[in-house]
Amino acid sequence: MQKMEFKYINIEYIEEICDKSKALIADMITIFREQVSEFAGEMKRLLREKEYYELGLLAHKAKSSVAIMGMKNLAEKLKELELNAKEGIKTEDYPALIEDFIKQTNEAVKELDKYLISL
């Protein structure tokens, strides 16, 4: 079988932490899809309402979710958002970081769906 290439997710990492269990991988993907959708909506709300500390806490949760999918770059950006938002600094950066989170996780979900079909 031809190896699939992914830009956003790290399949080798996902398979490793799931011990290559197809059922576990499928469950993780389902949870990830639900979480990132909730996180995106909540991030937008917290930004709109200027609840920066809470945004930082949510960025911390989101960071864990994307890290499990091997999305190191996005995890680092979320750590930056987490630390800045908890301090209420660099607020002008938050909208772009949130949009990047939404874009990358949407693409990751597409890749995960493609991967699921191949399982």
PDB file of N, CA and C in Angstrom:
ATOM      1  N   MET A   1       0.849  -1.193   0.000  1.00  0.00           N
ATOM      2  CA  MET A   1       0.000   0.000   0.000  1.00  0.00           C
ATOM      3  C   MET A   1       0.889   1.250   0.000  1.00  0.00           C
ATOM      4  N   GLN A   2       0.527   2.224  -0.798  1.00  0.00           N
ATOM      5  CA  GLN A   2       1.294   3.466  -0.885  1.00  0.00           C
ATOM      6  C   GLN A   2       1.126   4.273   0.401  1.00  0.00           C
ATOM      7  N   LYS A   3       2.238   4.810   0.876  1.00  0.00           N
ATOM      8  CA  LYS A   3       2.213   5.608   2.097  1.00  0.00           C
ATOM      9  C   LYS A   3       1.610   6.984   1.805  1.00  0.00           C
ATOM     10  N   MET A   4       0.653   7.382   2.634  1.00  0.00           N
ATOM     11  CA  MET A   4       0.021   8.687   2.451  1.00  0.00           C
ATOM     12  C   MET A   4       0.894   9.780   3.052  1.00  0.00           C
ATOM     13  N   GLU A   5       0.897  10.915   2.406  1.00  0.00           N
ATOM     14  CA  GLU A   5       1.629  12.080   2.910  1.00  0.00           C
ATOM     15  C   GLU A   5       0.631  13.054   3.532  1.00  0.00           C
ATOM     16  N   PHE A   6       0.974  13.577   4.692  1.00  0.00           N
ATOM     17  CA  PHE A   6       0.113  14.527   5.375  1.00  0.00           C
ATOM     18  C   PHE A   6       0.905  15.765   5.743  1.00  0.00           C
ATOM     19  N   LYS A   7       0.290  16.906   5.547  1.00  0.00           N
ATOM     20  CA  LYS A   7       0.946  18.183   5.829  1.00  0.00           C
ATOM     21  C   LYS A   7       0.748  18.616   7.288  1.00  0.00           C
ATOM     22  N   TYR A   8      -0.394  18.296   7.861  1.00  0.00           N
ATOM     23  CA  TYR A   8      -0.752  18.829   9.179  1.00  0.00           C
ATOM     24  C   TYR A   8      -0.599  17.835  10.324  1.00  0.00           C
ATOM     25  N   ILE A   9      -0.923  16.594  10.068  1.00  0.00           N
ATOM     26  CA  ILE A   9      -0.893  15.594  11.138  1.00  0.00           C
ATOM     27  C   ILE A   9       0.328  14.685  10.992  1.00  0.00           C
ATOM     28  N   ASN A  10       0.673  14.007  12.070  1.00  0.00           N
ATOM     29  CA  ASN A  10       1.785  13.062  12.070  1.00  0.00           C
ATOM     30  C   ASN A  10       1.212  11.676  12.372  1.00  0.00           C
ATOM     31  N   ILE A  11       0.931  10.946  11.312  1.00  0.00           N
ATOM     32  CA  ILE A  11       0.293   9.633  11.452  1.00  0.00           C
ATOM     33  C   ILE A  11       1.171   8.652  12.218  1.00  0.00           C
ATOM     34  N   GLU A  12       2.475   8.682  11.980  1.00  0.00           N
ATOM     35  CA  GLU A  12       3.369   7.756  12.688  1.00  0.00           C
ATOM     36  C   GLU A  12       3.250   7.965  14.199  1.00  0.00           C
ATOM     37  N   TYR A  13       3.188   9.224  14.614  1.00  0.00           N
ATOM     38  CA  TYR A  13       3.065   9.537  16.037  1.00  0.00           C
ATOM     39  C   TYR A  13       1.721   9.036  16.579  1.00  0.00           C
ATOM     40  N   ILE A  14       0.643   9.295  15.845  1.00  0.00           N
ATOM     41  CA  ILE A  14      -0.696   8.849  16.272  1.00  0.00           C
ATOM     42  C   ILE A  14      -0.727   7.329  16.404  1.00  0.00           C
ATOM     43  N   GLU A  15      -0.191   6.627  15.393  1.00  0.00           N
ATOM     44  CA  GLU A  15      -0.180   5.164  15.434  1.00  0.00           C
ATOM     45  C   GLU A  15       0.644   4.654  16.615  1.00  0.00           C
ATOM     46  N   GLU A  16       1.752   5.337  16.884  1.00  0.00           N
ATOM     47  CA  GLU A  16       2.624   4.925  17.983  1.00  0.00           C
ATOM     48  C   GLU A  16       1.924   5.064  19.331  1.00  0.00           C
ATOM     49  N   ILE A  17       1.299   6.226  19.584  1.00  0.00           N
ATOM     50  CA  ILE A  17       0.656   6.406  20.896  1.00  0.00           C
ATOM     51  C   ILE A  17      -0.606   5.556  21.044  1.00  0.00           C
ATOM     52  N   CYS A  18      -1.181   5.129  19.923  1.00  0.00           N
ATOM     53  CA  CYS A  18      -2.372   4.257  19.966  1.00  0.00           C
ATOM     54  C   CYS A  18      -1.999   2.787  19.808  1.00  0.00           C
ATOM     55  N   ASP A  19      -0.702   2.492  19.796  1.00  0.00           N
ATOM     56  CA  ASP A  19      -0.221   1.130  19.627  1.00  0.00           C
ATOM     57  C   ASP A  19      -0.826   0.481  18.367  1.00  0.00           C
ATOM     58  N   LYS A  20      -1.008   1.306  17.348  1.00  0.00           N
ATOM     59  CA  LYS A  20      -1.547   0.895  16.033  1.00  0.00           C
ATOM     60  C   LYS A  20      -2.941   0.269  16.116  1.00  0.00           C
ATOM     61  N   SER A  21      -3.658   0.528  17.203  1.00  0.00           N
ATOM     62  CA  SER A  21      -5.024   0.026  17.354  1.00  0.00           C
ATOM     63  C   SER A  21      -5.963   0.877  16.495  1.00  0.00           C
ATOM     64  N   LYS A  22      -6.553   0.256  15.483  1.00  0.00           N
ATOM     65  CA  LYS A  22      -7.450   0.992  14.586  1.00  0.00           C
ATOM     66  C   LYS A  22      -8.643   1.574  15.339  1.00  0.00           C
ATOM     67  N   ALA A  23      -9.171   0.818  16.284  1.00  0.00           N
ATOM     68  CA  ALA A  23     -10.327   1.297  17.060  1.00  0.00           C
ATOM     69  C   ALA A  23      -9.943   2.508  17.901  1.00  0.00           C
ATOM     70  N   LEU A  24      -8.795   2.448  18.529  1.00  0.00           N
ATOM     71  CA  LEU A  24      -8.340   3.560  19.360  1.00  0.00           C
ATOM     72  C   LEU A  24      -8.053   4.797  18.505  1.00  0.00           C
ATOM     73  N   ILE A  25      -7.416   4.584  17.357  1.00  0.00           N
ATOM     74  CA  ILE A  25      -7.135   5.696  16.444  1.00  0.00           C
ATOM     75  C   ILE A  25      -8.443   6.344  15.993  1.00  0.00           C
ATOM     76  N   ALA A  26      -9.414   5.531  15.613  1.00  0.00           N
ATOM     77  CA  ALA A  26     -10.710   6.059  15.172  1.00  0.00           C
ATOM     78  C   ALA A  26     -11.384   6.845  16.293  1.00  0.00           C
ATOM     79  N   ASP A  27     -11.316   6.334  17.522  1.00  0.00           N
ATOM     80  CA  ASP A  27     -11.897   7.036  18.669  1.00  0.00           C
ATOM     81  C   ASP A  27     -11.201   8.374  18.893  1.00  0.00           C
ATOM     82  N   MET A  28      -9.875   8.371  18.828  1.00  0.00           N
ATOM     83  CA  MET A  28      -9.113   9.615  19.029  1.00  0.00           C
ATOM     84  C   MET A  28      -9.479  10.659  17.973  1.00  0.00           C
ATOM     85  N   ILE A  29      -9.644  10.206  16.745  1.00  0.00           N
ATOM     86  CA  ILE A  29      -9.994  11.127  15.656  1.00  0.00           C
ATOM     87  C   ILE A  29     -11.372  11.732  15.898  1.00  0.00           C
ATOM     88  N   THR A  30     -12.312  10.905  16.341  1.00  0.00           N
ATOM     89  CA  THR A  30     -13.664  11.395  16.640  1.00  0.00           C
ATOM     90  C   THR A  30     -13.628  12.447  17.746  1.00  0.00           C
ATOM     91  N   ILE A  31     -12.886  12.155  18.796  1.00  0.00           N
ATOM     92  CA  ILE A  31     -12.773  13.103  19.912  1.00  0.00           C
ATOM     93  C   ILE A  31     -12.108  14.397  19.446  1.00  0.00           C
ATOM     94  N   PHE A  32     -11.042  14.271  18.674  1.00  0.00           N
ATOM     95  CA  PHE A  32     -10.331  15.447  18.163  1.00  0.00           C
ATOM     96  C   PHE A  32     -11.269  16.326  17.344  1.00  0.00           C
ATOM     97  N   ARG A  33     -12.030  15.714  16.442  1.00  0.00           N
ATOM     98  CA  ARG A  33     -12.963  16.460  15.582  1.00  0.00           C
ATOM     99  C   ARG A  33     -13.951  17.255  16.435  1.00  0.00           C
ATOM    100  N   GLU A  34     -14.516  16.621  17.450  1.00  0.00           N
ATOM    101  CA  GLU A  34     -15.482  17.299  18.329  1.00  0.00           C
ATOM    102  C   GLU A  34     -14.817  18.410  19.130  1.00  0.00           C
ATOM    103  N   GLN A  35     -13.644  18.122  19.685  1.00  0.00           N
ATOM    104  CA  GLN A  35     -12.962  19.102  20.523  1.00  0.00           C
ATOM    105  C   GLN A  35     -12.578  20.355  19.745  1.00  0.00           C
ATOM    106  N   VAL A  36     -11.944  20.175  18.591  1.00  0.00           N
ATOM    107  CA  VAL A  36     -11.452  21.363  17.883  1.00  0.00           C
ATOM    108  C   VAL A  36     -12.602  22.237  17.397  1.00  0.00           C
ATOM    109  N   SER A  37     -13.718  21.618  17.079  1.00  0.00           N
ATOM    110  CA  SER A  37     -14.890  22.399  16.680  1.00  0.00           C
ATOM    111  C   SER A  37     -15.386  23.240  17.864  1.00  0.00           C
ATOM    112  N   GLU A  38     -15.475  22.617  19.037  1.00  0.00           N
ATOM    113  CA  GLU A  38     -15.892  23.342  20.247  1.00  0.00           C
ATOM    114  C   GLU A  38     -14.882  24.432  20.602  1.00  0.00           C
ATOM    115  N   PHE A  39     -13.594  24.082  20.546  1.00  0.00           N
ATOM    116  CA  PHE A  39     -12.546  25.049  20.887  1.00  0.00           C
ATOM    117  C   PHE A  39     -12.615  26.273  19.988  1.00  0.00           C
ATOM    118  N   ALA A  40     -12.828  26.058  18.703  1.00  0.00           N
ATOM    119  CA  ALA A  40     -12.861  27.170  17.742  1.00  0.00           C
ATOM    120  C   ALA A  40     -13.966  28.162  18.090  1.00  0.00           C
ATOM    121  N   GLY A  41     -15.157  27.644  18.327  1.00  0.00           N
ATOM    122  CA  GLY A  41     -16.277  28.507  18.675  1.00  0.00           C
ATOM    123  C   GLY A  41     -16.054  29.242  19.987  1.00  0.00           C
ATOM    124  N   GLU A  42     -15.525  28.525  20.964  1.00  0.00           N
ATOM    125  CA  GLU A  42     -15.292  29.113  22.280  1.00  0.00           C
ATOM    126  C   GLU A  42     -14.168  30.157  22.225  1.00  0.00           C
ATOM    127  N   MET A  43     -13.131  29.889  21.434  1.00  0.00           N
ATOM    128  CA  MET A  43     -12.040  30.867  21.294  1.00  0.00           C
ATOM    129  C   MET A  43     -12.566  32.177  20.715  1.00  0.00           C
ATOM    130  N   LYS A  44     -13.394  32.068  19.694  1.00  0.00           N
ATOM    131  CA  LYS A  44     -13.965  33.270  19.075  1.00  0.00           C
ATOM    132  C   LYS A  44     -14.798  34.054  20.089  1.00  0.00           C
ATOM    133  N   ARG A  45     -15.595  33.326  20.880  1.00  0.00           N
ATOM    134  CA  ARG A  45     -16.441  33.985  21.880  1.00  0.00           C
ATOM    135  C   ARG A  45     -15.592  34.686  22.936  1.00  0.00           C
ATOM    136  N   LEU A  46     -14.594  33.991  23.445  1.00  0.00           N
ATOM    137  CA  LEU A  46     -13.748  34.570  24.488  1.00  0.00           C
ATOM    138  C   LEU A  46     -12.987  35.787  23.966  1.00  0.00           C
ATOM    139  N   LEU A  47     -12.550  35.725  22.725  1.00  0.00           N
ATOM    140  CA  LEU A  47     -11.863  36.867  22.122  1.00  0.00           C
ATOM    141  C   LEU A  47     -12.826  38.050  22.013  1.00  0.00           C
ATOM    142  N   ARG A  48     -14.016  37.775  21.500  1.00  0.00           N
ATOM    143  CA  ARG A  48     -15.022  38.821  21.312  1.00  0.00           C
ATOM    144  C   ARG A  48     -15.367  39.489  22.641  1.00  0.00           C
ATOM    145  N   GLU A  49     -15.453  38.676  23.686  1.00  0.00           N
ATOM    146  CA  GLU A  49     -15.824  39.191  25.006  1.00  0.00           C
ATOM    147  C   GLU A  49     -14.613  39.643  25.827  1.00  0.00           C
ATOM    148  N   LYS A  50     -13.437  39.595  25.204  1.00  0.00           N
ATOM    149  CA  LYS A  50     -12.192  40.031  25.851  1.00  0.00           C
ATOM    150  C   LYS A  50     -11.925  39.292  27.165  1.00  0.00           C
ATOM    151  N   GLU A  51     -12.288  38.030  27.206  1.00  0.00           N
ATOM    152  CA  GLU A  51     -12.016  37.186  28.377  1.00  0.00           C
ATOM    153  C   GLU A  51     -10.687  36.472  28.116  1.00  0.00           C
ATOM    154  N   TYR A  52      -9.616  37.250  28.233  1.00  0.00           N
ATOM    155  CA  TYR A  52      -8.305  36.777  27.799  1.00  0.00           C
ATOM    156  C   TYR A  52      -7.740  35.660  28.673  1.00  0.00           C
ATOM    157  N   TYR A  53      -7.909  35.770  29.975  1.00  0.00           N
ATOM    158  CA  TYR A  53      -7.366  34.710  30.840  1.00  0.00           C
ATOM    159  C   TYR A  53      -8.001  33.357  30.509  1.00  0.00           C
ATOM    160  N   GLU A  54      -9.328  33.367  30.334  1.00  0.00           N
ATOM    161  CA  GLU A  54     -10.048  32.138  29.981  1.00  0.00           C
ATOM    162  C   GLU A  54      -9.607  31.631  28.610  1.00  0.00           C
ATOM    163  N   LEU A  55      -9.317  32.565  27.707  1.00  0.00           N
ATOM    164  CA  LEU A  55      -8.795  32.193  26.380  1.00  0.00           C
ATOM    165  C   LEU A  55      -7.461  31.469  26.538  1.00  0.00           C
ATOM    166  N   GLY A  56      -6.636  31.946  27.447  1.00  0.00           N
ATOM    167  CA  GLY A  56      -5.361  31.283  27.721  1.00  0.00           C
ATOM    168  C   GLY A  56      -5.545  29.864  28.242  1.00  0.00           C
ATOM    169  N   LEU A  57      -6.511  29.692  29.137  1.00  0.00           N
ATOM    170  CA  LEU A  57      -6.799  28.357  29.660  1.00  0.00           C
ATOM    171  C   LEU A  57      -7.279  27.425  28.548  1.00  0.00           C
ATOM    172  N   LEU A  58      -8.123  27.958  27.670  1.00  0.00           N
ATOM    173  CA  LEU A  58      -8.640  27.153  26.562  1.00  0.00           C
ATOM    174  C   LEU A  58      -7.524  26.821  25.569  1.00  0.00           C
ATOM    175  N   ALA A  59      -6.637  27.763  25.326  1.00  0.00           N
ATOM    176  CA  ALA A  59      -5.496  27.504  24.428  1.00  0.00           C
ATOM    177  C   ALA A  59      -4.648  26.360  24.982  1.00  0.00           C
ATOM    178  N   HIS A  60      -4.535  26.300  26.303  1.00  0.00           N
ATOM    179  CA  HIS A  60      -3.779  25.212  26.937  1.00  0.00           C
ATOM    180  C   HIS A  60      -4.437  23.863  26.636  1.00  0.00           C
ATOM    181  N   LYS A  61      -5.758  23.775  26.775  1.00  0.00           N
ATOM    182  CA  LYS A  61      -6.480  22.536  26.463  1.00  0.00           C
ATOM    183  C   LYS A  61      -6.325  22.172  24.989  1.00  0.00           C
ATOM    184  N   ALA A  62      -6.477  23.172  24.130  1.00  0.00           N
ATOM    185  CA  ALA A  62      -6.384  22.939  22.688  1.00  0.00           C
ATOM    186  C   ALA A  62      -4.986  22.458  22.310  1.00  0.00           C
ATOM    187  N   LYS A  63      -3.989  22.987  23.000  1.00  0.00           N
ATOM    188  CA  LYS A  63      -2.599  22.605  22.742  1.00  0.00           C
ATOM    189  C   LYS A  63      -2.418  21.097  22.932  1.00  0.00           C
ATOM    190  N   SER A  64      -3.006  20.546  23.972  1.00  0.00           N
ATOM    191  CA  SER A  64      -2.913  19.107  24.231  1.00  0.00           C
ATOM    192  C   SER A  64      -3.557  18.303  23.110  1.00  0.00           C
ATOM    193  N   SER A  65      -4.694  18.758  22.642  1.00  0.00           N
ATOM    194  CA  SER A  65      -5.398  18.047  21.569  1.00  0.00           C
ATOM    195  C   SER A  65      -4.590  18.011  20.277  1.00  0.00           C
ATOM    196  N   VAL A  66      -4.023  19.147  19.901  1.00  0.00           N
ATOM    197  CA  VAL A  66      -3.276  19.168  18.632  1.00  0.00           C
ATOM    198  C   VAL A  66      -1.936  18.442  18.780  1.00  0.00           C
ATOM    199  N   ALA A  67      -1.351  18.474  19.978  1.00  0.00           N
ATOM    200  CA  ALA A  67      -0.080  17.775  20.195  1.00  0.00           C
ATOM    201  C   ALA A  67      -0.249  16.268  20.010  1.00  0.00           C
ATOM    202  N   ILE A  68      -1.375  15.737  20.446  1.00  0.00           N
ATOM    203  CA  ILE A  68      -1.639  14.305  20.299  1.00  0.00           C
ATOM    204  C   ILE A  68      -1.712  13.906  18.824  1.00  0.00           C
ATOM    205  N   MET A  69      -2.103  14.840  17.977  1.00  0.00           N
ATOM    206  CA  MET A  69      -2.156  14.563  16.537  1.00  0.00           C
ATOM    207  C   MET A  69      -0.824  14.869  15.851  1.00  0.00           C
ATOM    208  N   GLY A  70       0.187  15.173  16.658  1.00  0.00           N
ATOM    209  CA  GLY A  70       1.514  15.413  16.112  1.00  0.00           C
ATOM    210  C   GLY A  70       1.674  16.774  15.459  1.00  0.00           C
ATOM    211  N   MET A  71       0.818  17.718  15.820  1.00  0.00           N
ATOM    212  CA  MET A  71       0.843  19.056  15.218  1.00  0.00           C
ATOM    213  C   MET A  71       1.705  19.983  16.081  1.00  0.00           C
ATOM    214  N   LYS A  72       3.016  19.738  16.057  1.00  0.00           N
ATOM    215  CA  LYS A  72       3.948  20.456  16.945  1.00  0.00           C
ATOM    216  C   LYS A  72       3.947  21.958  16.711  1.00  0.00           C
ATOM    217  N   ASN A  73       3.949  22.367  15.450  1.00  0.00           N
ATOM    218  CA  ASN A  73       4.003  23.794  15.131  1.00  0.00           C
ATOM    219  C   ASN A  73       2.797  24.526  15.712  1.00  0.00           C
ATOM    220  N   LEU A  74       1.620  23.949  15.510  1.00  0.00           N
ATOM    221  CA  LEU A  74       0.400  24.569  16.032  1.00  0.00           C
ATOM    222  C   LEU A  74       0.400  24.529  17.567  1.00  0.00           C
ATOM    223  N   ALA A  75       0.900  23.465  18.152  1.00  0.00           N
ATOM    224  CA  ALA A  75       0.983  23.378  19.616  1.00  0.00           C
ATOM    225  C   ALA A  75       1.851  24.513  20.164  1.00  0.00           C
ATOM    226  N   GLU A  76       2.941  24.822  19.469  1.00  0.00           N
ATOM    227  CA  GLU A  76       3.808  25.926  19.902  1.00  0.00           C
ATOM    228  C   GLU A  76       3.087  27.269  19.803  1.00  0.00           C
ATOM    229  N   LYS A  77       2.313  27.456  18.731  1.00  0.00           N
ATOM    230  CA  LYS A  77       1.551  28.705  18.583  1.00  0.00           C
ATOM    231  C   LYS A  77       0.493  28.825  19.678  1.00  0.00           C
ATOM    232  N   LEU A  78      -0.126  27.706  20.028  1.00  0.00           N
ATOM    233  CA  LEU A  78      -1.131  27.726  21.092  1.00  0.00           C
ATOM    234  C   LEU A  78      -0.492  28.009  22.448  1.00  0.00           C
ATOM    235  N   LYS A  79       0.733  27.533  22.649  1.00  0.00           N
ATOM    236  CA  LYS A  79       1.438  27.848  23.897  1.00  0.00           C
ATOM    237  C   LYS A  79       1.685  29.351  23.976  1.00  0.00           C
ATOM    238  N   GLU A  80       2.072  29.944  22.849  1.00  0.00           N
ATOM    239  CA  GLU A  80       2.268  31.405  22.796  1.00  0.00           C
ATOM    240  C   GLU A  80       0.964  32.122  23.130  1.00  0.00           C
ATOM    241  N   LEU A  81      -0.145  31.673  22.523  1.00  0.00           N
ATOM    242  CA  LEU A  81      -1.453  32.272  22.806  1.00  0.00           C
ATOM    243  C   LEU A  81      -1.803  32.094  24.278  1.00  0.00           C
ATOM    244  N   GLU A  82      -1.577  30.894  24.787  1.00  0.00           N
ATOM    245  CA  GLU A  82      -1.882  30.614  26.201  1.00  0.00           C
ATOM    246  C   GLU A  82      -1.154  31.587  27.130  1.00  0.00           C
ATOM    247  N   LEU A  83       0.148  31.698  26.962  1.00  0.00           N
ATOM    248  CA  LEU A  83       0.950  32.537  27.856  1.00  0.00           C
ATOM    249  C   LEU A  83       0.593  34.013  27.713  1.00  0.00           C
ATOM    250  N   ASN A  84       0.449  34.473  26.476  1.00  0.00           N
ATOM    251  CA  ASN A  84       0.114  35.885  26.257  1.00  0.00           C
ATOM    252  C   ASN A  84      -1.287  36.222  26.768  1.00  0.00           C
ATOM    253  N   ALA A  85      -2.241  35.343  26.502  1.00  0.00           N
ATOM    254  CA  ALA A  85      -3.623  35.614  26.906  1.00  0.00           C
ATOM    255  C   ALA A  85      -3.756  35.612  28.429  1.00  0.00           C
ATOM    256  N   LYS A  86      -3.056  34.713  29.099  1.00  0.00           N
ATOM    257  CA  LYS A  86      -3.120  34.690  30.564  1.00  0.00           C
ATOM    258  C   LYS A  86      -2.575  35.985  31.154  1.00  0.00           C
ATOM    259  N   GLU A  87      -1.624  36.598  30.449  1.00  0.00           N
ATOM    260  CA  GLU A  87      -1.047  37.876  30.899  1.00  0.00           C
ATOM    261  C   GLU A  87      -1.817  39.074  30.331  1.00  0.00           C
ATOM    262  N   GLY A  88      -2.690  38.814  29.342  1.00  0.00           N
ATOM    263  CA  GLY A  88      -3.426  39.901  28.691  1.00  0.00           C
ATOM    264  C   GLY A  88      -2.532  40.784  27.830  1.00  0.00           C
ATOM    265  N   ILE A  89      -1.446  40.205  27.302  1.00  0.00           N
ATOM    266  CA  ILE A  89      -0.507  40.984  26.480  1.00  0.00           C
ATOM    267  C   ILE A  89      -0.579  40.543  25.010  1.00  0.00           C
ATOM    268  N   LYS A  90      -0.123  41.420  24.136  1.00  0.00           N
ATOM    269  CA  LYS A  90      -0.089  41.155  22.683  1.00  0.00           C
ATOM    270  C   LYS A  90      -1.464  40.740  22.163  1.00  0.00           C
ATOM    271  N   THR A  91      -2.504  41.402  22.649  1.00  0.00           N
ATOM    272  CA  THR A  91      -3.877  41.043  22.278  1.00  0.00           C
ATOM    273  C   THR A  91      -4.118  41.176  20.779  1.00  0.00           C
ATOM    274  N   GLU A  92      -3.337  42.021  20.114  1.00  0.00           N
ATOM    275  CA  GLU A  92      -3.504  42.201  18.668  1.00  0.00           C
ATOM    276  C   GLU A  92      -3.133  40.921  17.894  1.00  0.00           C
ATOM    277  N   ASP A  93      -2.380  40.001  18.527  1.00  0.00           N
ATOM    278  CA  ASP A  93      -1.974  38.751  17.870  1.00  0.00           C
ATOM    279  C   ASP A  93      -3.044  37.659  17.976  1.00  0.00           C
ATOM    280  N   TYR A  94      -3.963  37.780  18.915  1.00  0.00           N
ATOM    281  CA  TYR A  94      -4.917  36.707  19.176  1.00  0.00           C
ATOM    282  C   TYR A  94      -5.782  36.330  17.966  1.00  0.00           C
ATOM    283  N   PRO A  95      -6.364  37.316  17.244  1.00  0.00           N
ATOM    284  CA  PRO A  95      -7.229  36.922  16.123  1.00  0.00           C
ATOM    285  C   PRO A  95      -6.510  36.054  15.084  1.00  0.00           C
ATOM    286  N   ALA A  96      -5.275  36.414  14.737  1.00  0.00           N
ATOM    287  CA  ALA A  96      -4.527  35.642  13.733  1.00  0.00           C
ATOM    288  C   ALA A  96      -4.192  34.252  14.263  1.00  0.00           C
ATOM    289  N   LEU A  97      -3.844  34.148  15.545  1.00  0.00           N
ATOM    290  CA  LEU A  97      -3.531  32.840  16.130  1.00  0.00           C
ATOM    291  C   LEU A  97      -4.769  31.948  16.153  1.00  0.00           C
ATOM    292  N   ILE A  98      -5.906  32.528  16.461  1.00  0.00           N
ATOM    293  CA  ILE A  98      -7.159  31.755  16.485  1.00  0.00           C
ATOM    294  C   ILE A  98      -7.536  31.319  15.072  1.00  0.00           C
ATOM    295  N   GLU A  99      -7.421  32.224  14.109  1.00  0.00           N
ATOM    296  CA  GLU A  99      -7.730  31.861  12.715  1.00  0.00           C
ATOM    297  C   GLU A  99      -6.797  30.764  12.215  1.00  0.00           C
ATOM    298  N   ASP A 100      -5.523  30.829  12.606  1.00  0.00           N
ATOM    299  CA  ASP A 100      -4.562  29.804  12.220  1.00  0.00           C
ATOM    300  C   ASP A 100      -4.949  28.466  12.844  1.00  0.00           C
ATOM    301  N   PHE A 101      -5.369  28.494  14.106  1.00  0.00           N
ATOM    302  CA  PHE A 101      -5.831  27.269  14.768  1.00  0.00           C
ATOM    303  C   PHE A 101      -6.999  26.660  13.989  1.00  0.00           C
ATOM    304  N   ILE A 102      -7.968  27.492  13.621  1.00  0.00           N
ATOM    305  CA  ILE A 102      -9.148  27.007  12.907  1.00  0.00           C
ATOM    306  C   ILE A 102      -8.752  26.435  11.549  1.00  0.00           C
ATOM    307  N   LYS A 103      -7.917  27.155  10.808  1.00  0.00           N
ATOM    308  CA  LYS A 103      -7.485  26.700   9.483  1.00  0.00           C
ATOM    309  C   LYS A 103      -6.751  25.366   9.585  1.00  0.00           C
ATOM    310  N   GLN A 104      -5.765  25.306  10.473  1.00  0.00           N
ATOM    311  CA  GLN A 104      -4.957  24.089  10.570  1.00  0.00           C
ATOM    312  C   GLN A 104      -5.756  22.894  11.081  1.00  0.00           C
ATOM    313  N   THR A 105      -6.638  23.109  12.045  1.00  0.00           N
ATOM    314  CA  THR A 105      -7.410  21.968  12.552  1.00  0.00           C
ATOM    315  C   THR A 105      -8.452  21.510  11.533  1.00  0.00           C
ATOM    316  N   ASN A 106      -9.006  22.436  10.749  1.00  0.00           N
ATOM    317  CA  ASN A 106      -9.921  22.033   9.668  1.00  0.00           C
ATOM    318  C   ASN A 106      -9.193  21.157   8.660  1.00  0.00           C
ATOM    319  N   GLU A 107      -7.974  21.562   8.293  1.00  0.00           N
ATOM    320  CA  GLU A 107      -7.176  20.767   7.355  1.00  0.00           C
ATOM    321  C   GLU A 107      -6.790  19.428   7.981  1.00  0.00           C
ATOM    322  N   ALA A 108      -6.462  19.442   9.263  1.00  0.00           N
ATOM    323  CA  ALA A 108      -6.100  18.203   9.954  1.00  0.00           C
ATOM    324  C   ALA A 108      -7.279  17.225   9.953  1.00  0.00           C
ATOM    325  N   VAL A 109      -8.487  17.726  10.181  1.00  0.00           N
ATOM    326  CA  VAL A 109      -9.673  16.866  10.170  1.00  0.00           C
ATOM    327  C   VAL A 109      -9.851  16.239   8.778  1.00  0.00           C
ATOM    328  N   LYS A 110      -9.630  17.007   7.726  1.00  0.00           N
ATOM    329  CA  LYS A 110      -9.715  16.452   6.359  1.00  0.00           C
ATOM    330  C   LYS A 110      -8.697  15.335   6.174  1.00  0.00           C
ATOM    331  N   GLU A 111      -7.467  15.571   6.650  1.00  0.00           N
ATOM    332  CA  GLU A 111      -6.437  14.537   6.523  1.00  0.00           C
ATOM    333  C   GLU A 111      -6.787  13.316   7.352  1.00  0.00           C
ATOM    334  N   LEU A 112      -7.308  13.519   8.549  1.00  0.00           N
ATOM    335  CA  LEU A 112      -7.687  12.404   9.404  1.00  0.00           C
ATOM    336  C   LEU A 112      -8.822  11.597   8.789  1.00  0.00           C
ATOM    337  N   ASP A 113      -9.766  12.281   8.150  1.00  0.00           N
ATOM    338  CA  ASP A 113     -10.856  11.583   7.471  1.00  0.00           C
ATOM    339  C   ASP A 113     -10.308  10.703   6.340  1.00  0.00           C
ATOM    340  N   LYS A 114      -9.355  11.255   5.599  1.00  0.00           N
ATOM    341  CA  LYS A 114      -8.712  10.509   4.506  1.00  0.00           C
ATOM    342  C   LYS A 114      -7.981   9.290   5.075  1.00  0.00           C
ATOM    343  N   TYR A 115      -7.314   9.493   6.178  1.00  0.00           N
ATOM    344  CA  TYR A 115      -6.595   8.400   6.831  1.00  0.00           C
ATOM    345  C   TYR A 115      -7.578   7.332   7.334  1.00  0.00           C
ATOM    346  N   LEU A 116      -8.684   7.752   7.936  1.00  0.00           N
ATOM    347  CA  LEU A 116      -9.680   6.803   8.458  1.00  0.00           C
ATOM    348  C   LEU A 116     -10.194   5.877   7.363  1.00  0.00           C
ATOM    349  N   ILE A 117     -10.423   6.436   6.193  1.00  0.00           N
ATOM    350  CA  ILE A 117     -10.914   5.637   5.053  1.00  0.00           C
ATOM    351  C   ILE A 117      -9.920   4.534   4.709  1.00  0.00           C
ATOM    352  N   SER A 118      -8.636   4.823   4.897  1.00  0.00           N
ATOM    353  CA  SER A 118      -7.595   3.855   4.544  1.00  0.00           C
ATOM    354  C   SER A 118      -7.393   2.773   5.597  1.00  0.00           C
ATOM    355  N   LEU A 119      -7.951   2.952   6.793  1.00  0.00           N
ATOM    356  CA  LEU A 119      -7.731   1.979   7.877  1.00  0.00           C
ATOM    357  C   LEU A 119      -8.339   0.609   7.559  1.00  0.00           C
TER     358      LEU A 119
END
